[in-house]
Protein backbone atom coordinates (compact mmCIF):
# COMPACT_ATOMS: atom_id res chain seq x y z
CA MET A 1 99.79 121.59 68.87
CA THR A 2 102.99 119.97 70.05
CA ARG A 3 106.14 121.30 71.63
CA GLN A 4 109.60 120.06 70.89
CA GLY A 5 111.41 118.08 73.50
CA ASN A 6 113.30 115.09 72.32
CA PRO A 7 113.52 112.07 74.60
CA SER A 8 117.16 111.36 75.23
CA PRO A 9 118.70 108.32 73.60
CA ASN A 10 119.25 105.04 75.45
CA LEU A 11 116.43 105.51 77.95
CA SER A 12 116.08 101.78 78.33
CA ASP A 13 116.88 98.44 76.89
CA GLY A 14 113.20 97.57 77.04
CA PRO A 15 111.20 96.92 73.87
CA THR A 16 108.90 99.91 74.42
CA GLY A 17 111.66 102.46 74.96
CA SER A 18 110.24 103.18 78.41
CA PRO A 19 112.51 103.23 81.43
CA ASP A 20 112.34 100.63 84.15
CA LYS A 21 109.75 101.43 86.81
CA GLY A 22 110.83 104.15 89.20
CA GLU A 23 113.67 105.48 87.05
CA PRO A 24 113.58 109.15 86.09
CA VAL A 25 112.86 109.96 82.47
CA PHE A 26 114.85 112.62 80.68
CA VAL A 27 114.30 114.86 77.68
CA ALA A 28 117.06 116.41 75.58
CA VAL A 29 117.15 120.22 75.69
CA GLY A 30 120.52 120.89 74.09
CA PHE A 31 123.62 119.58 72.39
CA LEU A 32 127.06 120.84 73.44
CA ARG A 33 129.21 121.43 70.39
CA ARG A 34 132.57 122.99 71.25
CA ALA A 35 134.33 125.43 73.55
CA HIS A 36 133.92 129.12 72.82
CA GLY A 37 136.41 131.68 74.11
CA VAL A 38 138.85 131.27 76.97
CA HIS A 39 136.53 131.12 80.02
CA GLY A 40 135.06 127.63 79.63
CA GLU A 41 131.91 128.54 77.72
CA MET A 42 130.50 126.16 75.13
CA ILE A 43 128.19 126.58 72.15
CA MET A 44 125.00 124.64 72.78
CA ASP A 45 122.42 123.90 70.09
CA VAL A 46 118.93 124.40 71.53
CA LEU A 47 116.59 121.38 71.34
CA THR A 48 113.75 122.79 73.45
CA GLY A 49 110.83 125.12 72.95
CA PHE A 50 111.66 126.68 76.32
CA PRO A 51 115.28 127.90 76.15
CA GLU A 52 114.42 130.64 78.67
CA ARG A 53 114.17 127.95 81.37
CA LEU A 54 117.89 127.17 80.99
CA ARG A 55 119.25 129.58 83.58
CA PRO A 56 122.29 129.74 85.85
CA HIS A 57 122.11 127.38 88.86
CA ARG A 58 119.73 124.99 87.04
CA THR A 59 120.84 121.37 87.23
CA VAL A 60 121.06 119.61 83.89
CA PHE A 61 122.16 116.08 83.04
CA VAL A 62 124.99 115.70 80.52
CA GLY A 63 126.00 112.78 78.32
CA GLU A 64 124.94 109.15 78.18
CA ASP A 65 125.62 108.75 81.90
CA ARG A 66 123.48 111.84 82.57
CA GLU A 67 126.03 113.46 84.83
CA PRO A 68 124.22 116.05 86.98
CA ILE A 69 125.88 119.44 86.68
CA LYS A 70 124.72 123.01 87.25
CA LEU A 71 124.74 125.70 84.61
CA ALA A 72 127.11 128.44 85.77
CA SER A 73 126.12 130.89 83.03
CA VAL A 74 123.82 131.05 80.02
CA ARG A 75 123.60 133.69 77.30
CA ARG A 76 122.22 133.96 73.80
CA HIS A 77 124.45 133.31 70.81
CA ASP A 78 121.82 133.08 68.04
CA PRO A 79 120.66 130.59 67.03
CA ALA A 80 122.41 128.74 69.88
CA LEU A 81 123.27 129.49 73.50
CA LEU A 82 126.63 130.00 75.15
CA VAL A 83 126.68 128.00 78.38
CA ARG A 84 129.29 127.46 81.04
CA LEU A 85 129.01 124.39 83.20
CA GLU A 86 129.91 124.66 86.86
CA GLY A 87 133.58 123.85 87.36
CA CYS A 88 134.54 124.64 83.75
CA THR A 89 136.68 127.76 83.55
CA THR A 90 138.97 126.92 80.64
CA PRO A 91 138.45 125.60 77.10
CA GLU A 92 140.32 122.45 78.10
CA GLU A 93 137.90 121.70 80.97
CA ALA A 94 134.91 122.40 78.70
CA ALA A 95 136.29 120.07 75.99
CA ARG A 96 135.40 117.10 78.19
CA TYR A 97 131.71 117.79 77.44
CA ARG A 98 132.06 118.31 73.69
CA ASN A 99 129.43 116.55 71.54
CA GLN A 100 127.28 115.63 74.55
CA VAL A 101 123.50 115.80 74.89
CA VAL A 102 122.11 117.99 77.68
CA CYS A 103 118.92 116.74 79.34
CA VAL A 104 116.45 117.74 82.04
CA ARG A 105 114.08 115.49 83.92
CA ILE A 106 110.64 115.23 82.33
CA ASP A 107 108.98 115.81 85.69
CA GLN A 108 110.63 119.27 85.73
CA LEU A 109 109.11 120.41 82.42
CA PRO A 110 106.53 123.21 82.59
CA GLU A 111 102.90 122.26 82.13
CA LEU A 112 101.47 123.12 78.75
CA PRO A 113 98.08 124.72 78.12
CA GLU A 114 95.20 122.34 77.47
CA GLY A 115 95.36 120.90 73.97
CA GLU A 116 99.15 121.20 73.68
CA TYR A 117 101.50 118.24 74.09
CA TYR A 118 105.20 117.58 74.19
CA HIS A 119 106.41 115.31 71.39
CA HIS A 120 107.43 112.61 73.83
CA GLN A 121 103.87 112.50 75.22
CA ILE A 122 102.26 111.51 71.93
CA LEU A 123 104.94 109.65 69.98
CA GLY A 124 103.75 106.04 69.76
CA ILE A 125 100.12 106.93 70.52
CA GLN A 126 97.55 104.73 68.77
CA VAL A 127 95.65 106.53 66.00
CA TYR A 128 92.02 105.73 65.20
CA LEU A 129 89.54 107.00 62.64
CA GLU A 130 86.37 108.58 64.04
CA SER A 131 84.56 105.35 63.04
CA GLY A 132 86.70 103.47 65.60
CA GLU A 133 88.86 101.72 63.00
CA LYS A 134 92.55 101.63 63.94
CA LEU A 135 94.70 103.58 61.50
CA GLY A 136 98.14 102.98 63.04
CA SER A 137 100.48 104.66 65.49
CA LEU A 138 102.20 108.03 65.58
CA LYS A 139 105.74 107.29 64.42
CA GLU A 140 107.24 110.75 63.90
CA ILE A 141 106.40 114.45 64.11
CA LEU A 142 107.64 116.71 61.33
CA GLU A 143 107.90 120.41 62.13
CA THR A 144 107.04 122.25 58.93
CA GLY A 145 106.51 125.83 60.11
CA ALA A 146 102.80 126.25 59.35
CA ASN A 147 101.76 123.23 61.42
CA ASP A 148 103.26 119.96 62.52
CA VAL A 149 102.75 116.89 60.34
CA TYR A 150 102.18 113.51 61.98
CA VAL A 151 103.70 110.43 60.36
CA ILE A 152 101.37 107.51 61.00
CA ALA A 153 102.89 104.01 60.75
CA ARG A 154 100.27 101.67 59.29
CA GLU A 155 100.48 97.90 59.44
CA GLY A 156 100.84 96.41 55.98
CA ALA A 157 100.70 99.81 54.26
CA GLU A 158 102.87 102.83 53.61
CA ASP A 159 103.18 105.51 56.27
CA MET A 160 100.53 108.22 56.11
CA LEU A 161 101.14 111.94 56.64
CA LEU A 162 98.48 113.87 58.56
CA PRO A 163 98.55 117.61 59.21
CA ALA A 164 98.21 118.39 62.91
CA ILE A 165 95.24 120.70 62.50
CA GLU A 166 91.83 120.81 64.23
CA ASP A 167 89.95 119.62 61.13
CA VAL A 168 92.01 116.40 61.10
CA VAL A 169 92.99 115.71 64.74
CA LEU A 170 89.70 115.47 66.62
CA SER A 171 90.99 114.38 70.03
CA ILE A 172 94.07 113.24 71.90
CA ASP A 173 93.88 111.28 75.14
CA VAL A 174 97.42 110.69 76.37
CA GLU A 175 96.33 108.57 79.35
CA ALA A 176 94.24 106.27 77.11
CA ASN A 177 97.04 106.26 74.47
CA ARG A 178 94.47 107.24 71.82
CA MET A 179 94.24 109.86 69.08
CA VAL A 180 91.11 110.17 66.96
CA VAL A 181 91.42 111.65 63.47
CA LYS A 182 89.12 112.51 60.60
CA LEU A 183 90.50 112.00 57.12
CA GLN A 184 89.74 114.86 54.79
CA GLU A 185 88.90 114.31 51.12
CA TRP A 186 92.12 116.08 50.10
CA LEU A 187 94.18 113.55 52.08
């Protein structure tokens, strides 16, 4: 099982998408749309499986420059949240942050139970058949409702879709960058 958490754009200019050594890594948790009301609140689309962790006084990082700023208030506005950033008390002050991505540091994410992974932990992982033959790499994760579907990029062949279920995904070793799968007859 995987949890949503989208790595923020422009993490690095490097070919792997990884940051330079020692730099913090961020994950997107929201997207600020527009001001709401007259007190500086903004509508924020939720991009995290843990919206309850976005609480007042929590430092978040906003925009491409990842400006650190504290959340002054947070409340539900289904399916989004209404947030007020510290120092924003009017719609005009809030407008400065319109259409910006809100991130948190990856090292501040809660630990998941064994067998669950954040998307950013397994995207790019090398995928092997149980025989040891390399199948490809995990290119994308589709959230379908019943279970996630892994898009496997295969060299010289079309992408393959694999359901993220126990009968197909036999093991995931993030540290070894290896996923072992068993193809079912119906695939």
